[in-house]
Protein backbone atom coordinates (compact mmCIF):
# COMPACT_ATOMS: atom_id res chain seq x y z
CA MET A 1 34.38 -10.17 -41.54
CA LYS A 2 33.24 -6.78 -42.80
CA TYR A 3 33.80 -3.72 -40.64
CA PHE A 4 30.98 -1.21 -41.13
CA SER A 5 30.68 2.49 -40.55
CA VAL A 6 27.03 3.21 -39.77
CA ILE A 7 26.46 6.84 -40.76
CA ILE A 8 23.41 8.50 -39.22
CA ALA A 9 22.16 11.66 -40.93
CA TYR A 10 20.99 13.66 -37.93
CA TYR A 11 19.06 16.88 -37.37
CA LYS A 12 17.48 18.13 -34.12
CA ASN A 13 15.88 14.93 -32.79
CA PRO A 14 17.78 13.59 -29.76
CA LYS A 15 14.93 11.30 -28.65
CA ALA A 16 15.02 9.52 -32.00
CA LEU A 17 18.81 9.33 -31.91
CA ASN A 18 18.62 7.78 -28.46
CA LEU A 19 16.38 5.00 -29.83
CA ILE A 20 18.63 4.44 -32.84
CA ILE A 21 21.76 4.07 -30.73
CA LYS A 22 19.94 1.62 -28.45
CA ALA A 23 18.87 -0.42 -31.49
CA LEU A 24 22.41 -0.44 -32.87
CA GLU A 25 23.74 -1.75 -29.57
CA LEU A 26 21.32 -4.68 -29.89
CA GLN A 27 22.38 -5.66 -33.42
CA SER A 28 23.04 -9.33 -34.06
CA TYR A 29 26.07 -8.23 -36.13
CA GLN A 30 28.44 -6.21 -33.99
CA ASN A 31 31.49 -5.30 -36.09
CA PHE A 32 30.87 -1.59 -36.70
CA GLU A 33 31.44 2.00 -35.66
CA ILE A 34 28.82 4.76 -35.46
CA ILE A 35 29.16 8.20 -37.02
CA ILE A 36 26.59 10.92 -36.34
CA ALA A 37 26.56 13.27 -39.33
CA GLU A 38 24.79 16.35 -38.04
CA ASP A 39 23.49 18.90 -40.56
CA ASP A 40 23.57 21.64 -37.93
CA LYS A 41 26.03 23.29 -35.62
CA LYS A 42 27.23 20.99 -32.84
CA SER A 43 24.45 19.70 -30.57
CA ASP A 44 24.79 18.63 -26.98
CA LEU A 45 24.77 14.83 -27.18
CA ASP A 46 25.85 14.23 -23.59
CA PHE A 47 22.80 12.02 -23.07
CA LEU A 48 24.65 9.32 -24.99
CA THR A 49 27.13 8.99 -22.13
CA ASN A 50 24.27 7.72 -19.95
CA LEU A 51 23.68 4.78 -22.29
CA ASN A 52 25.57 1.51 -22.07
CA ILE A 53 27.42 1.97 -25.36
CA SER A 54 30.15 -0.44 -26.41
CA HIS A 55 30.76 0.97 -29.89
CA LYS A 56 32.88 3.92 -30.86
CA ILE A 57 30.75 6.96 -31.70
CA LYS A 58 32.10 9.82 -33.80
CA HIS A 59 30.30 13.12 -34.29
CA VAL A 60 30.71 15.51 -37.22
CA PHE A 61 28.74 18.72 -37.65
CA GLN A 62 28.49 22.02 -39.50
CA SER A 63 29.96 25.33 -38.38
CA GLU A 64 26.43 26.78 -38.54
CA ASP A 65 22.91 25.88 -39.67
CA THR A 66 22.38 27.53 -43.06
CA GLY A 67 19.75 25.23 -44.53
CA PHE A 68 19.74 21.75 -46.06
CA ARG A 69 23.36 20.61 -46.39
CA LYS A 70 22.95 16.92 -45.71
CA ASN A 71 25.48 16.00 -48.39
CA ALA A 72 28.14 18.19 -46.79
CA ALA A 73 27.52 16.47 -43.44
CA LEU A 74 27.74 13.04 -45.08
CA ASN A 75 31.04 13.99 -46.71
CA LYS A 76 32.40 14.99 -43.31
CA ALA A 77 31.46 11.52 -42.07
CA LEU A 78 32.99 9.88 -45.13
CA ALA A 79 36.26 11.71 -44.49
CA ILE A 80 36.73 10.17 -41.02
CA CYS A 81 35.05 6.77 -41.27
CA GLN A 82 37.19 3.66 -40.83
CA GLY A 83 34.76 1.04 -42.12
CA THR A 84 35.52 -0.85 -45.31
CA HIS A 85 31.77 -0.80 -45.97
CA LEU A 86 29.27 1.95 -45.25
CA VAL A 87 25.60 1.83 -44.28
CA PHE A 88 23.56 5.03 -44.31
CA ILE A 89 20.49 5.61 -42.16
CA ASP A 90 18.44 8.69 -41.31
CA GLY A 91 18.01 10.08 -37.83
CA ASP A 92 14.34 9.09 -37.69
CA CYS A 93 14.73 5.41 -38.65
CA ILE A 94 15.28 2.66 -36.07
CA PRO A 95 17.04 -0.46 -37.42
CA HIS A 96 15.67 -3.97 -36.92
CA HIS A 97 17.99 -6.10 -34.78
CA HIS A 98 19.17 -8.07 -37.85
CA PHE A 99 19.62 -4.91 -39.94
CA LEU A 100 23.41 -5.01 -40.15
CA LYS A 101 23.43 -8.78 -40.42
CA ALA A 102 21.52 -8.36 -43.68
CA TYR A 103 24.13 -5.97 -45.05
CA SER A 104 26.98 -8.19 -43.90
CA ARG A 105 25.43 -11.11 -45.76
CA HIS A 106 24.41 -9.42 -49.02
CA LEU A 107 26.62 -6.36 -49.55
CA LYS A 108 29.50 -7.35 -51.83
CA ASP A 109 32.33 -5.31 -53.28
CA GLU A 110 30.70 -5.26 -56.71
CA ASN A 111 27.18 -4.25 -55.64
CA ILE A 112 25.04 -1.74 -53.79
CA CYS A 113 22.19 -2.79 -51.49
CA PHE A 114 19.17 -0.98 -50.15
CA GLY A 115 16.32 -1.68 -47.75
CA ARG A 116 12.99 -0.15 -46.82
CA ARG A 117 11.07 0.94 -43.71
CA VAL A 118 7.82 0.39 -41.87
CA MET A 119 6.01 3.72 -41.34
CA ILE A 120 5.19 3.83 -37.63
CA ASN A 121 1.98 5.67 -36.77
CA PRO A 122 1.83 8.78 -34.51
CA GLU A 123 0.55 6.96 -31.43
CA LEU A 124 3.24 4.28 -31.48
CA THR A 125 5.88 6.91 -32.20
CA ALA A 126 4.78 8.89 -29.13
CA ALA A 127 4.87 5.73 -27.00
CA LEU A 128 8.43 4.98 -28.16
CA TYR A 129 9.58 8.49 -27.34
CA GLN A 130 7.96 8.38 -23.91
CA SER A 131 9.09 4.91 -22.86
CA GLY A 132 12.28 4.33 -24.86
CA ASP A 133 11.17 0.69 -25.01
CA LEU A 134 12.21 -1.01 -28.25
CA ASN A 135 10.00 -3.98 -27.38
CA LEU A 136 7.16 -1.84 -28.76
CA LEU A 137 8.58 -2.64 -32.21
CA LYS A 138 7.99 -6.37 -31.93
CA PHE A 139 6.03 -7.85 -34.82
CA SER A 140 3.01 -8.68 -32.65
CA ARG A 141 2.69 -5.06 -31.54
CA VAL A 142 3.41 -3.22 -34.77
CA ILE A 143 1.16 -5.41 -36.94
CA PHE A 144 -1.96 -4.23 -35.10
CA SER A 145 -0.83 -0.63 -34.49
CA GLY A 146 -2.31 0.98 -37.58
CA SER A 147 1.14 1.68 -38.99
CA LYS A 148 1.76 1.62 -42.75
CA ARG A 149 3.92 -0.40 -45.18
CA LEU A 150 3.49 -3.40 -42.94
CA LYS A 151 4.76 -5.80 -45.60
CA TYR A 152 8.25 -4.68 -44.57
CA LEU A 153 7.67 -6.24 -41.16
CA LEU A 154 8.23 -9.61 -42.81
CA TYR A 155 11.76 -10.83 -42.13
CA LEU A 156 12.77 -12.92 -45.14
CA PRO A 157 16.57 -12.72 -45.01
CA PHE A 158 17.43 -14.77 -48.07
CA ILE A 159 15.35 -12.73 -50.53
CA ILE A 160 17.58 -10.51 -52.67
CA GLN A 161 16.24 -8.91 -55.83
CA LYS A 162 18.20 -7.18 -58.58
CA ARG A 163 16.92 -3.68 -59.38
CA LYS A 164 17.65 -0.86 -61.82
CA THR A 165 16.81 1.88 -59.29
CA GLY A 166 15.66 2.04 -55.69
CA ILE A 167 18.10 3.73 -53.30
CA TRP A 168 16.52 5.99 -50.69
CA GLY A 169 18.93 7.85 -48.45
CA HIS A 170 17.56 6.36 -45.23
CA ASN A 171 18.66 2.75 -45.85
CA TRP A 172 21.46 1.73 -48.20
CA GLY A 173 25.03 0.45 -48.22
CA VAL A 174 28.14 0.36 -50.39
CA ALA A 175 31.87 -0.42 -50.15
CA LYS A 176 33.65 2.77 -49.11
CA HIS A 177 36.15 2.83 -51.96
CA HIS A 178 33.35 3.14 -54.52
CA LEU A 179 32.10 6.34 -52.89
CA LEU A 180 35.65 7.66 -52.84
CA ASP A 181 35.93 6.89 -56.55
CA ILE A 182 33.00 9.23 -57.32
CA ASN A 183 34.24 11.88 -54.85
CA GLY A 184 31.47 11.26 -52.33
CA PHE A 185 28.26 13.24 -52.19
CA ASP A 186 27.62 16.22 -54.45
CA GLU A 187 27.25 19.31 -52.27
CA ASP A 188 25.67 21.31 -55.09
CA TYR A 189 22.36 19.76 -54.00
CA GLN A 190 20.86 21.88 -51.23
CA THR A 191 17.28 20.62 -51.29
CA ALA A 192 16.05 17.23 -50.08
CA GLY A 193 14.90 14.30 -52.12
CA VAL A 194 17.47 13.75 -54.91
CA GLY A 195 21.06 14.63 -54.09
CA GLU A 196 21.59 12.24 -51.18
CA ASP A 197 20.26 9.17 -52.97
CA VAL A 198 19.15 9.41 -56.63
CA ASP A 199 22.26 11.30 -57.71
CA VAL A 200 24.61 8.95 -55.84
CA GLU A 201 22.79 5.93 -57.24
CA TRP A 202 23.17 7.18 -60.81
CA ARG A 203 26.88 7.86 -60.42
CA LEU A 204 27.64 4.52 -58.75
CA LEU A 205 25.66 2.52 -61.30
CA SER A 206 27.47 4.39 -64.08
CA MET A 207 30.66 2.78 -62.77
CA GLY A 208 29.26 -0.69 -63.41
CA LEU A 209 28.05 -1.64 -59.95
CA LYS A 210 24.91 -3.76 -59.58
CA LEU A 211 21.96 -2.77 -57.39
CA TYR A 212 20.05 -5.17 -55.14
CA SER A 213 17.03 -4.84 -52.90
CA ILE A 214 17.24 -6.50 -49.48
CA ARG A 215 14.05 -4.83 -48.26
CA PHE A 216 12.79 -7.88 -46.37
CA ALA A 217 16.05 -8.25 -44.46
CA ALA A 218 17.38 -4.70 -43.93
CA ILE A 219 14.25 -3.51 -42.12
CA GLN A 220 13.77 -0.13 -40.45
CA PHE A 221 11.02 1.54 -38.43
CA HIS A 222 10.39 5.14 -39.44
CA LEU A 223 9.24 7.41 -36.62
CA HIS A 224 6.29 9.56 -37.56
CA HIS A 225 6.74 13.27 -38.26
CA LYS A 226 5.51 15.93 -40.65
CA GLU A 227 7.10 15.96 -44.07
CA ASN A 228 10.20 18.16 -44.03
CA TYR A 229 10.45 18.75 -47.77
CA ASN A 230 8.04 19.55 -50.59
CA ASP A 231 7.56 18.86 -54.27
CA GLU A 232 9.24 22.12 -55.24
CA ASP A 233 12.41 20.99 -53.45
CA VAL A 234 12.30 17.64 -55.25
CA GLN A 235 11.79 19.26 -58.65
CA THR A 236 14.74 21.59 -58.03
CA GLY A 237 16.92 18.57 -57.33
CA LYS A 238 15.65 16.70 -60.38
CA LYS A 239 16.47 19.61 -62.69
CA MET A 240 19.99 19.73 -61.33
CA LEU A 241 20.33 15.95 -61.70
CA LEU A 242 19.31 16.09 -65.37
CA GLN A 243 21.94 18.72 -66.06
CA LYS A 244 24.64 16.70 -64.36
CA GLN A 245 23.63 13.54 -66.22
CA LYS A 246 23.72 15.48 -69.49
CA HIS A 247 27.32 16.51 -68.83
CA GLY A 248 28.29 13.10 -67.43
CA PHE A 249 29.63 14.29 -64.07
CA ILE A 250 30.09 10.85 -62.52
CA ARG A 251 32.89 12.13 -60.27
CA CYS A 252 31.30 15.22 -58.78
CA LYS A 253 33.29 18.46 -58.61
CA ASN A 254 31.85 19.78 -55.34
CA GLY A 255 32.25 16.65 -53.28
CA LEU A 256 34.58 15.15 -50.71
CA VAL A 257 37.60 16.67 -52.46
CA LYS A 258 36.97 20.21 -53.70
């Protein structure tokens, strides 16, 4: 039975984190720990003590907030995690109650898996924040809410599709030792949109792993907010990625081990 470390990339949204922890407690697969990887100086997360939490929660953070350093926060989480397999989610994405069951079923030692998310509309997001009621994410409510990417509401757990690319940082999983083999996340990337997913995907696939989509099983609900990165940030990351691919830096130099 796989033991997972669920690593939550977190930044200044305690209401969303509250909902995520609640959803993790309700998972149909329960063999996991939770690590909050905060890309900020340490936040007050005392509200978690008021929840009925049965899982171990670890919290890593930066010494100060100096901009986008998500990869550094993820490496801090990687350094202390005890799971044999890792699942990464963002701090604005609530997992479906069979989310980890999907990864337990499909994530193998020789592959990488990724899922997708339903884009919850502003009104439903506000209602979730106000009520804290995860029943608002039932199929019958979301389908008529005006939310987007509703095809990912369909729970089809046995569909697995081989892909050449597809990892997004909010929803993917891998065996821990593979990330250690490539020295974790490359901290040279300090803009959003490439370093925490596209770069890692390229380096893992270069080691011979296979990539599979489990988007109709590993379902998430993305809470609405304004975009927090722009095309300029993405292009900066892409230019850096091309340089690293040119030089073949599969095991990054500025990663878990410096």
